[in-house]
Amino acid sequence: MSSPEPSERPLTTVLVGPMAAGKTSLGRKVARMLEVPFTDTDKRIAAEHGPIPQIFDAHGERHFRRLEREAVAVAITEGGVVSLGGGAVADAATRALLAQHPVVFLTVSADAVRRRIGGSTRPLLAGEDDPVERWRTIFDERRAWYEEVADLTVDTSRRPMRMLAESIAAWRKEQP
């Protein structure tokens, strides 16, 4: 089976960013506006392999990143709006896959994150430390990777999601 011609390939937009930046909720809205499918790679991994915290506990982060890279490769081939887990960009092979697609880096302030992560079960935020400080450390470690792959950066801290989605959809329609 040959690859589709560029004009036949599905419209793809990839959303990256730290935990609690709004990738899933914003991604769904952008997908509806662009009339394309939406894929959350974390949800796909969980559906196929079980809850992400259990994958981390049983097999470790390295194994999870391999599953994640595979899920990203499939999702971007299928097209639509694709939301990646916060750490997907830590993998060099995943970053290489993203170089071929329009990528939006969703950034968010620590204050906004504090309001969003209450009661979170995210494995990388577990532990005795303040989860927002742990989030900040992880974000700082990954920021350069997000910036490396990004074609557009959008701060989700304060503007309404609908306005952000409209802005991203309009930007995507202008891309080749």
N, C-alpha and C. Protein backbone atom coordinates (compact mmCIF):
# COMPACT_ATOMS: atom_id res chain seq x y z
N MET A 1 0.85 -1.17 0.00
CA MET A 1 0.00 0.00 0.00
C MET A 1 0.89 1.23 0.00
N SER A 2 0.66 2.14 -0.90
CA SER A 2 1.50 3.34 -0.98
C SER A 2 0.96 4.42 -0.04
N SER A 3 1.86 5.36 0.31
CA SER A 3 1.46 6.47 1.16
C SER A 3 0.53 7.39 0.39
N PRO A 4 -0.41 8.00 1.08
CA PRO A 4 -1.29 8.95 0.39
C PRO A 4 -0.49 10.13 -0.13
N GLU A 5 -0.96 10.72 -1.20
CA GLU A 5 -0.35 11.94 -1.70
C GLU A 5 -0.56 13.02 -0.64
N PRO A 6 0.35 14.02 -0.60
CA PRO A 6 0.20 15.05 0.43
C PRO A 6 -1.19 15.66 0.48
N SER A 7 -1.82 15.89 -0.65
CA SER A 7 -3.15 16.50 -0.64
C SER A 7 -4.22 15.56 -0.09
N GLU A 8 -3.92 14.24 -0.06
CA GLU A 8 -4.88 13.27 0.45
C GLU A 8 -4.67 12.97 1.93
N ARG A 9 -3.53 13.37 2.47
CA ARG A 9 -3.24 13.08 3.87
C ARG A 9 -4.20 13.87 4.75
N PRO A 10 -4.61 13.25 5.85
CA PRO A 10 -5.51 13.96 6.76
C PRO A 10 -4.80 15.15 7.39
N LEU A 11 -5.54 16.20 7.64
CA LEU A 11 -5.03 17.39 8.32
C LEU A 11 -4.58 16.97 9.72
N THR A 12 -3.33 17.27 10.05
CA THR A 12 -2.81 16.89 11.35
C THR A 12 -2.32 18.12 12.10
N THR A 13 -2.67 18.19 13.36
CA THR A 13 -2.19 19.22 14.27
C THR A 13 -1.83 18.52 15.57
N VAL A 14 -0.62 18.74 16.05
CA VAL A 14 -0.17 18.08 17.26
C VAL A 14 -0.10 19.10 18.39
N LEU A 15 -0.63 18.73 19.56
CA LEU A 15 -0.57 19.57 20.74
C LEU A 15 0.39 18.96 21.75
N VAL A 16 1.37 19.76 22.17
CA VAL A 16 2.32 19.33 23.19
C VAL A 16 2.31 20.35 24.32
N GLY A 17 2.81 19.94 25.46
CA GLY A 17 2.91 20.86 26.58
C GLY A 17 2.90 20.08 27.88
N PRO A 18 3.10 20.79 28.98
CA PRO A 18 3.17 20.13 30.28
C PRO A 18 1.81 19.61 30.73
N MET A 19 1.87 18.80 31.77
CA MET A 19 0.64 18.32 32.41
C MET A 19 -0.20 19.53 32.79
N ALA A 20 -1.50 19.40 32.59
CA ALA A 20 -2.49 20.41 33.00
C ALA A 20 -2.49 21.66 32.14
N ALA A 21 -1.90 21.59 30.95
CA ALA A 21 -1.93 22.75 30.05
C ALA A 21 -3.24 22.82 29.27
N GLY A 22 -4.04 21.76 29.28
CA GLY A 22 -5.31 21.76 28.58
C GLY A 22 -5.27 21.07 27.23
N LYS A 23 -4.30 20.20 27.02
CA LYS A 23 -4.13 19.57 25.70
C LYS A 23 -5.37 18.77 25.28
N THR A 24 -5.95 18.04 26.19
CA THR A 24 -7.10 17.21 25.84
C THR A 24 -8.35 18.05 25.61
N SER A 25 -8.71 18.91 26.56
CA SER A 25 -9.94 19.69 26.40
C SER A 25 -9.83 20.66 25.23
N LEU A 26 -8.69 21.29 25.08
CA LEU A 26 -8.49 22.21 23.96
C LEU A 26 -8.42 21.44 22.64
N GLY A 27 -7.76 20.30 22.67
CA GLY A 27 -7.64 19.47 21.46
C GLY A 27 -9.00 19.05 20.92
N ARG A 28 -9.91 18.66 21.81
CA ARG A 28 -11.25 18.27 21.36
C ARG A 28 -11.96 19.43 20.66
N LYS A 29 -11.83 20.62 21.24
CA LYS A 29 -12.48 21.80 20.66
C LYS A 29 -11.88 22.14 19.29
N VAL A 30 -10.56 22.11 19.19
CA VAL A 30 -9.90 22.41 17.92
C VAL A 30 -10.31 21.38 16.86
N ALA A 31 -10.36 20.12 17.23
CA ALA A 31 -10.75 19.07 16.29
C ALA A 31 -12.17 19.30 15.77
N ARG A 32 -13.09 19.68 16.66
CA ARG A 32 -14.47 19.95 16.22
C ARG A 32 -14.48 21.12 15.24
N MET A 33 -13.72 22.15 15.53
CA MET A 33 -13.69 23.33 14.65
C MET A 33 -13.08 23.01 13.29
N LEU A 34 -12.09 22.13 13.27
CA LEU A 34 -11.45 21.76 12.00
C LEU A 34 -12.16 20.59 11.32
N GLU A 35 -13.15 20.02 12.02
CA GLU A 35 -13.91 18.87 11.52
C GLU A 35 -13.00 17.70 11.18
N VAL A 36 -12.12 17.38 12.16
CA VAL A 36 -11.21 16.24 12.04
C VAL A 36 -11.30 15.42 13.32
N PRO A 37 -10.78 14.19 13.30
CA PRO A 37 -10.80 13.38 14.51
C PRO A 37 -9.85 13.94 15.58
N PHE A 38 -10.10 13.54 16.82
CA PHE A 38 -9.23 13.89 17.94
C PHE A 38 -8.67 12.62 18.55
N THR A 39 -7.37 12.61 18.84
CA THR A 39 -6.74 11.48 19.51
C THR A 39 -5.92 11.98 20.67
N ASP A 40 -6.15 11.41 21.83
CA ASP A 40 -5.33 11.66 23.02
C ASP A 40 -4.46 10.41 23.16
N THR A 41 -3.15 10.55 22.95
CA THR A 41 -2.28 9.37 22.96
C THR A 41 -2.24 8.71 24.33
N ASP A 42 -2.35 9.47 25.42
CA ASP A 42 -2.39 8.85 26.75
C ASP A 42 -3.62 7.97 26.90
N LYS A 43 -4.76 8.45 26.43
CA LYS A 43 -5.99 7.65 26.53
C LYS A 43 -5.89 6.39 25.66
N ARG A 44 -5.27 6.52 24.49
CA ARG A 44 -5.09 5.37 23.62
C ARG A 44 -4.18 4.33 24.28
N ILE A 45 -3.11 4.78 24.88
CA ILE A 45 -2.19 3.86 25.56
C ILE A 45 -2.92 3.15 26.70
N ALA A 46 -3.67 3.91 27.50
CA ALA A 46 -4.40 3.32 28.62
C ALA A 46 -5.43 2.30 28.13
N ALA A 47 -6.10 2.59 27.03
CA ALA A 47 -7.10 1.66 26.49
C ALA A 47 -6.45 0.36 26.02
N GLU A 48 -5.25 0.47 25.48
CA GLU A 48 -4.57 -0.72 24.94
C GLU A 48 -3.73 -1.47 25.96
N HIS A 49 -3.19 -0.76 26.97
CA HIS A 49 -2.21 -1.38 27.86
C HIS A 49 -2.54 -1.27 29.35
N GLY A 50 -3.62 -0.58 29.67
CA GLY A 50 -4.00 -0.42 31.08
C GLY A 50 -3.64 0.97 31.58
N PRO A 51 -4.05 1.27 32.81
CA PRO A 51 -3.82 2.60 33.36
C PRO A 51 -2.33 2.98 33.38
N ILE A 52 -2.06 4.22 33.03
CA ILE A 52 -0.68 4.68 32.93
C ILE A 52 0.07 4.55 34.26
N PRO A 53 -0.54 4.89 35.41
CA PRO A 53 0.20 4.69 36.67
C PRO A 53 0.64 3.24 36.87
N GLN A 54 -0.19 2.29 36.44
CA GLN A 54 0.18 0.88 36.57
C GLN A 54 1.30 0.51 35.60
N ILE A 55 1.31 1.09 34.41
CA ILE A 55 2.40 0.83 33.46
C ILE A 55 3.71 1.33 34.06
N PHE A 56 3.69 2.54 34.63
CA PHE A 56 4.88 3.09 35.28
C PHE A 56 5.35 2.17 36.41
N ASP A 57 4.41 1.75 37.26
CA ASP A 57 4.77 0.92 38.42
C ASP A 57 5.32 -0.43 37.99
N ALA A 58 4.68 -1.06 37.02
CA ALA A 58 5.06 -2.42 36.63
C ALA A 58 6.27 -2.48 35.70
N HIS A 59 6.41 -1.48 34.82
CA HIS A 59 7.43 -1.58 33.77
C HIS A 59 8.39 -0.41 33.70
N GLY A 60 8.07 0.68 34.37
CA GLY A 60 8.96 1.83 34.39
C GLY A 60 8.67 2.84 33.29
N GLU A 61 9.29 4.01 33.44
CA GLU A 61 9.06 5.09 32.49
C GLU A 61 9.59 4.77 31.10
N ARG A 62 10.73 4.09 31.03
CA ARG A 62 11.33 3.78 29.72
C ARG A 62 10.37 2.96 28.85
N HIS A 63 9.77 1.95 29.44
CA HIS A 63 8.80 1.12 28.72
C HIS A 63 7.60 1.96 28.28
N PHE A 64 7.11 2.81 29.21
CA PHE A 64 5.99 3.66 28.85
C PHE A 64 6.34 4.56 27.67
N ARG A 65 7.53 5.16 27.64
CA ARG A 65 7.92 6.05 26.55
C ARG A 65 7.96 5.30 25.21
N ARG A 66 8.32 4.03 25.23
CA ARG A 66 8.30 3.24 23.99
C ARG A 66 6.86 3.06 23.51
N LEU A 67 5.97 2.72 24.41
CA LEU A 67 4.55 2.60 24.05
C LEU A 67 4.02 3.93 23.53
N GLU A 68 4.44 5.00 24.18
CA GLU A 68 3.99 6.33 23.79
C GLU A 68 4.48 6.69 22.39
N ARG A 69 5.75 6.42 22.09
CA ARG A 69 6.30 6.71 20.76
C ARG A 69 5.51 5.97 19.68
N GLU A 70 5.18 4.72 19.95
CA GLU A 70 4.39 3.93 18.99
C GLU A 70 3.00 4.53 18.82
N ALA A 71 2.37 4.94 19.91
CA ALA A 71 1.03 5.54 19.83
C ALA A 71 1.06 6.86 19.08
N VAL A 72 2.09 7.66 19.29
CA VAL A 72 2.23 8.94 18.58
C VAL A 72 2.39 8.69 17.08
N ALA A 73 3.22 7.73 16.72
CA ALA A 73 3.45 7.44 15.29
C ALA A 73 2.16 7.04 14.60
N VAL A 74 1.36 6.21 15.24
CA VAL A 74 0.09 5.79 14.65
C VAL A 74 -0.88 6.97 14.57
N ALA A 75 -0.99 7.72 15.63
CA ALA A 75 -1.96 8.83 15.69
C ALA A 75 -1.66 9.89 14.64
N ILE A 76 -0.40 10.26 14.45
CA ILE A 76 -0.11 11.31 13.48
C ILE A 76 -0.27 10.80 12.05
N THR A 77 -0.12 9.51 11.86
CA THR A 77 -0.38 8.92 10.54
C THR A 77 -1.88 8.96 10.23
N GLU A 78 -2.71 8.73 11.26
CA GLU A 78 -4.16 8.76 11.08
C GLU A 78 -4.67 10.18 10.84
N GLY A 79 -3.97 11.16 11.39
CA GLY A 79 -4.34 12.56 11.18
C GLY A 79 -5.33 13.06 12.21
N GLY A 80 -5.67 14.34 12.06
CA GLY A 80 -6.56 15.00 13.00
C GLY A 80 -5.76 15.77 14.02
N VAL A 81 -6.41 16.11 15.13
CA VAL A 81 -5.74 16.78 16.23
C VAL A 81 -5.27 15.70 17.18
N VAL A 82 -3.97 15.75 17.50
CA VAL A 82 -3.35 14.72 18.32
C VAL A 82 -2.76 15.38 19.56
N SER A 83 -3.25 14.96 20.73
CA SER A 83 -2.76 15.47 22.00
C SER A 83 -1.77 14.47 22.57
N LEU A 84 -0.55 14.94 22.85
CA LEU A 84 0.49 14.08 23.39
C LEU A 84 0.58 14.24 24.90
N GLY A 85 1.00 13.18 25.55
CA GLY A 85 1.28 13.27 26.97
C GLY A 85 2.42 14.25 27.21
N GLY A 86 2.46 14.83 28.40
CA GLY A 86 3.44 15.86 28.71
C GLY A 86 4.89 15.47 28.47
N GLY A 87 5.22 14.20 28.67
CA GLY A 87 6.61 13.77 28.53
C GLY A 87 6.98 13.17 27.20
N ALA A 88 6.06 13.14 26.26
CA ALA A 88 6.34 12.51 24.96
C ALA A 88 7.55 13.14 24.28
N VAL A 89 7.74 14.44 24.47
CA VAL A 89 8.84 15.15 23.81
C VAL A 89 10.20 14.78 24.39
N ALA A 90 10.24 14.07 25.51
CA ALA A 90 11.51 13.65 26.08
C ALA A 90 12.21 12.63 25.19
N ASP A 91 11.47 11.97 24.33
CA ASP A 91 11.99 10.93 23.45
C ASP A 91 12.44 11.54 22.12
N ALA A 92 13.71 11.41 21.79
CA ALA A 92 14.26 12.01 20.56
C ALA A 92 13.55 11.49 19.32
N ALA A 93 13.21 10.21 19.29
CA ALA A 93 12.53 9.65 18.11
C ALA A 93 11.13 10.25 17.95
N THR A 94 10.46 10.50 19.06
CA THR A 94 9.15 11.15 19.00
C THR A 94 9.31 12.58 18.48
N ARG A 95 10.30 13.29 18.97
CA ARG A 95 10.53 14.65 18.47
C ARG A 95 10.80 14.65 16.97
N ALA A 96 11.52 13.66 16.49
CA ALA A 96 11.79 13.56 15.05
C ALA A 96 10.49 13.35 14.27
N LEU A 97 9.58 12.55 14.79
CA LEU A 97 8.28 12.34 14.15
C LEU A 97 7.51 13.65 14.05
N LEU A 98 7.61 14.47 15.08
CA LEU A 98 6.85 15.72 15.13
C LEU A 98 7.37 16.76 14.14
N ALA A 99 8.60 16.64 13.72
CA ALA A 99 9.20 17.63 12.82
C ALA A 99 8.46 17.73 11.49
N GLN A 100 7.67 16.72 11.17
CA GLN A 100 6.96 16.68 9.89
C GLN A 100 5.53 17.21 9.98
N HIS A 101 5.14 17.73 11.14
CA HIS A 101 3.75 18.15 11.35
C HIS A 101 3.68 19.47 12.10
N PRO A 102 2.60 20.25 11.89
CA PRO A 102 2.42 21.47 12.67
C PRO A 102 2.20 21.13 14.15
N VAL A 103 2.99 21.76 15.00
CA VAL A 103 2.94 21.46 16.43
C VAL A 103 2.65 22.75 17.20
N VAL A 104 1.69 22.65 18.12
CA VAL A 104 1.33 23.76 19.00
C VAL A 104 1.79 23.41 20.41
N PHE A 105 2.61 24.28 20.98
CA PHE A 105 3.07 24.13 22.36
C PHE A 105 2.12 24.92 23.25
N LEU A 106 1.39 24.20 24.10
CA LEU A 106 0.48 24.83 25.05
C LEU A 106 1.24 25.02 26.36
N THR A 107 1.43 26.25 26.73
CA THR A 107 2.11 26.55 27.99
C THR A 107 1.08 27.03 28.99
N VAL A 108 1.46 27.00 30.26
CA VAL A 108 0.54 27.37 31.32
C VAL A 108 1.34 27.81 32.53
N SER A 109 0.79 28.72 33.32
CA SER A 109 1.48 29.20 34.52
C SER A 109 1.28 28.21 35.67
N ALA A 110 2.20 28.27 36.62
CA ALA A 110 2.10 27.42 37.81
C ALA A 110 0.83 27.73 38.60
N ASP A 111 0.42 28.99 38.63
CA ASP A 111 -0.81 29.35 39.35
C ASP A 111 -2.03 28.67 38.73
N ALA A 112 -2.09 28.66 37.41
CA ALA A 112 -3.21 27.99 36.73
C ALA A 112 -3.16 26.48 36.98
N VAL A 113 -1.96 25.92 36.98
CA VAL A 113 -1.80 24.49 37.23
C VAL A 113 -2.30 24.13 38.62
N ARG A 114 -1.99 24.96 39.58
CA ARG A 114 -2.43 24.70 40.97
C ARG A 114 -3.95 24.50 41.01
N ARG A 115 -4.68 25.29 40.26
CA ARG A 115 -6.15 25.16 40.22
C ARG A 115 -6.59 23.90 39.46
N ARG A 116 -5.77 23.44 38.53
CA ARG A 116 -6.19 22.35 37.64
C ARG A 116 -5.84 20.95 38.12
N ILE A 117 -4.84 20.79 38.98
CA ILE A 117 -4.37 19.44 39.30
C ILE A 117 -4.85 18.91 40.64
N GLY A 118 -5.78 19.56 41.27
CA GLY A 118 -6.30 19.07 42.54
C GLY A 118 -6.79 17.64 42.41
N GLY A 119 -6.37 16.77 43.30
CA GLY A 119 -6.81 15.38 43.29
C GLY A 119 -6.23 14.57 42.15
N SER A 120 -5.14 15.01 41.57
CA SER A 120 -4.54 14.34 40.42
C SER A 120 -3.95 12.99 40.79
N THR A 121 -4.01 12.05 39.86
CA THR A 121 -3.37 10.75 40.02
C THR A 121 -2.20 10.60 39.05
N ARG A 122 -1.68 11.69 38.56
CA ARG A 122 -0.59 11.64 37.58
C ARG A 122 0.66 11.08 38.26
N PRO A 123 1.24 10.00 37.69
CA PRO A 123 2.34 9.31 38.37
C PRO A 123 3.56 10.19 38.63
N LEU A 124 3.87 11.11 37.76
CA LEU A 124 5.06 11.93 37.96
C LEU A 124 4.86 13.01 39.01
N LEU A 125 3.60 13.23 39.44
CA LEU A 125 3.35 14.22 40.49
C LEU A 125 3.15 13.56 41.86
N ALA A 126 3.20 12.23 41.89
CA ALA A 126 3.01 11.51 43.15
C ALA A 126 4.21 11.73 44.06
N GLY A 127 3.98 11.61 45.35
CA GLY A 127 5.07 11.72 46.30
C GLY A 127 4.77 12.74 47.38
N GLU A 128 5.75 12.98 48.20
CA GLU A 128 5.61 13.85 49.35
C GLU A 128 5.72 15.33 48.99
N ASP A 129 6.41 15.66 47.89
CA ASP A 129 6.65 17.05 47.51
C ASP A 129 5.35 17.74 47.12
N ASP A 130 5.40 19.06 47.17
CA ASP A 130 4.30 19.88 46.66
C ASP A 130 4.14 19.55 45.17
N PRO A 131 2.95 19.10 44.73
CA PRO A 131 2.79 18.70 43.33
C PRO A 131 3.06 19.84 42.34
N VAL A 132 2.78 21.07 42.72
CA VAL A 132 3.02 22.19 41.80
C VAL A 132 4.53 22.42 41.65
N GLU A 133 5.27 22.27 42.74
CA GLU A 133 6.73 22.40 42.63
C GLU A 133 7.30 21.26 41.80
N ARG A 134 6.76 20.07 41.98
CA ARG A 134 7.20 18.92 41.16
C ARG A 134 6.85 19.18 39.70
N TRP A 135 5.64 19.72 39.44
CA TRP A 135 5.23 20.07 38.08
C TRP A 135 6.21 21.09 37.49
N ARG A 136 6.55 22.10 38.27
CA ARG A 136 7.45 23.16 37.79
C ARG A 136 8.82 22.58 37.41
N THR A 137 9.34 21.66 38.23
CA THR A 137 10.62 21.03 37.94
C THR A 137 10.56 20.25 36.63
N ILE A 138 9.49 19.48 36.46
CA ILE A 138 9.32 18.68 35.24
C ILE A 138 9.18 19.59 34.02
N PHE A 139 8.38 20.64 34.15
CA PHE A 139 8.19 21.59 33.05
C PHE A 139 9.52 22.24 32.67
N ASP A 140 10.28 22.66 33.66
CA ASP A 140 11.57 23.27 33.37
C ASP A 140 12.51 22.30 32.65
N GLU A 141 12.46 21.02 33.02
CA GLU A 141 13.30 20.01 32.37
C GLU A 141 12.90 19.81 30.90
N ARG A 142 11.64 19.98 30.59
CA ARG A 142 11.13 19.66 29.25
C ARG A 142 10.93 20.88 28.36
N ARG A 143 10.96 22.06 28.92
CA ARG A 143 10.62 23.27 28.17
C ARG A 143 11.40 23.39 26.84
N ALA A 144 12.69 23.14 26.85
CA ALA A 144 13.49 23.27 25.62
C ALA A 144 13.00 22.30 24.54
N TRP A 145 12.55 21.12 24.94
CA TRP A 145 12.03 20.16 23.95
C TRP A 145 10.71 20.65 23.36
N TYR A 146 9.85 21.19 24.21
CA TYR A 146 8.59 21.75 23.70
C TYR A 146 8.89 22.86 22.69
N GLU A 147 9.79 23.74 23.06
CA GLU A 147 10.14 24.85 22.17
C GLU A 147 10.79 24.36 20.88
N GLU A 148 11.57 23.29 20.97
CA GLU A 148 12.23 22.72 19.79
C GLU A 148 11.23 22.25 18.75
N VAL A 149 10.15 21.61 19.17
CA VAL A 149 9.21 21.02 18.22
C VAL A 149 8.09 21.98 17.82
N ALA A 150 7.93 23.09 18.54
CA ALA A 150 6.77 23.97 18.37
C ALA A 150 6.87 24.87 17.15
N ASP A 151 5.74 24.98 16.46
CA ASP A 151 5.57 25.96 15.39
C ASP A 151 4.78 27.16 15.89
N LEU A 152 4.02 26.96 16.96
CA LEU A 152 3.20 27.99 17.57
C LEU A 152 3.17 27.73 19.07
N THR A 153 3.27 28.79 19.87
CA THR A 153 3.15 28.67 21.33
C THR A 153 1.93 29.45 21.78
N VAL A 154 1.10 28.81 22.61
CA VAL A 154 -0.14 29.41 23.11
C VAL A 154 -0.19 29.23 24.62
N ASP A 155 -0.39 30.32 25.34
CA ASP A 155 -0.52 30.27 26.79
C ASP A 155 -2.00 30.03 27.13
N THR A 156 -2.26 28.95 27.87
CA THR A 156 -3.64 28.58 28.21
C THR A 156 -4.04 29.02 29.61
N SER A 157 -3.21 29.81 30.28
CA SER A 157 -3.43 30.15 31.69
C SER A 157 -4.71 30.91 31.95
N ARG A 158 -5.05 31.87 31.08
CA ARG A 158 -6.16 32.77 31.42
C ARG A 158 -7.26 32.89 30.37
N ARG A 159 -6.92 32.83 29.10
CA ARG A 159 -7.96 33.04 28.08
C ARG A 159 -8.93 31.88 28.05
N PRO A 160 -10.19 32.14 27.74
CA PRO A 160 -11.18 31.05 27.64
C PRO A 160 -10.78 30.03 26.58
N MET A 161 -11.03 28.76 26.87
CA MET A 161 -10.66 27.67 25.96
C MET A 161 -11.25 27.86 24.57
N ARG A 162 -12.48 28.35 24.49
CA ARG A 162 -13.11 28.54 23.18
C ARG A 162 -12.30 29.52 22.33
N MET A 163 -11.86 30.62 22.92
CA MET A 163 -11.06 31.60 22.18
C MET A 163 -9.72 31.01 21.75
N LEU A 164 -9.11 30.25 22.64
CA LEU A 164 -7.84 29.60 22.32
C LEU A 164 -8.02 28.62 21.16
N ALA A 165 -9.09 27.83 21.23
CA ALA A 165 -9.36 26.85 20.17
C ALA A 165 -9.58 27.54 18.84
N GLU A 166 -10.34 28.62 18.84
CA GLU A 166 -10.58 29.35 17.59
C GLU A 166 -9.27 29.88 17.02
N SER A 167 -8.41 30.39 17.87
CA SER A 167 -7.12 30.92 17.44
C SER A 167 -6.24 29.82 16.84
N ILE A 168 -6.19 28.66 17.49
CA ILE A 168 -5.38 27.55 16.99
C ILE A 168 -5.96 27.02 15.68
N ALA A 169 -7.27 26.87 15.61
CA ALA A 169 -7.90 26.37 14.37
C ALA A 169 -7.62 27.32 13.20
N ALA A 170 -7.74 28.61 13.45
CA ALA A 170 -7.47 29.60 12.39
C ALA A 170 -6.00 29.51 11.95
N TRP A 171 -5.09 29.40 12.90
CA TRP A 171 -3.68 29.27 12.57
C TRP A 171 -3.44 28.02 11.72
N ARG A 172 -4.06 26.89 12.15
CA ARG A 172 -3.84 25.62 11.44
C ARG A 172 -4.32 25.69 10.00
N LYS A 173 -5.41 26.38 9.77
CA LYS A 173 -5.96 26.50 8.40
C LYS A 173 -5.00 27.27 7.49
N GLU A 174 -4.15 28.08 8.07
CA GLU A 174 -3.17 28.85 7.29
C GLU A 174 -1.90 28.06 6.96
N GLN A 175 -1.71 26.91 7.63
CA GLN A 175 -0.50 26.12 7.45
C GLN A 175 -0.60 25.26 6.19
N PRO A 176 0.55 24.95 5.59
CA PRO A 176 0.53 24.06 4.40
C PRO A 176 0.12 22.65 4.77
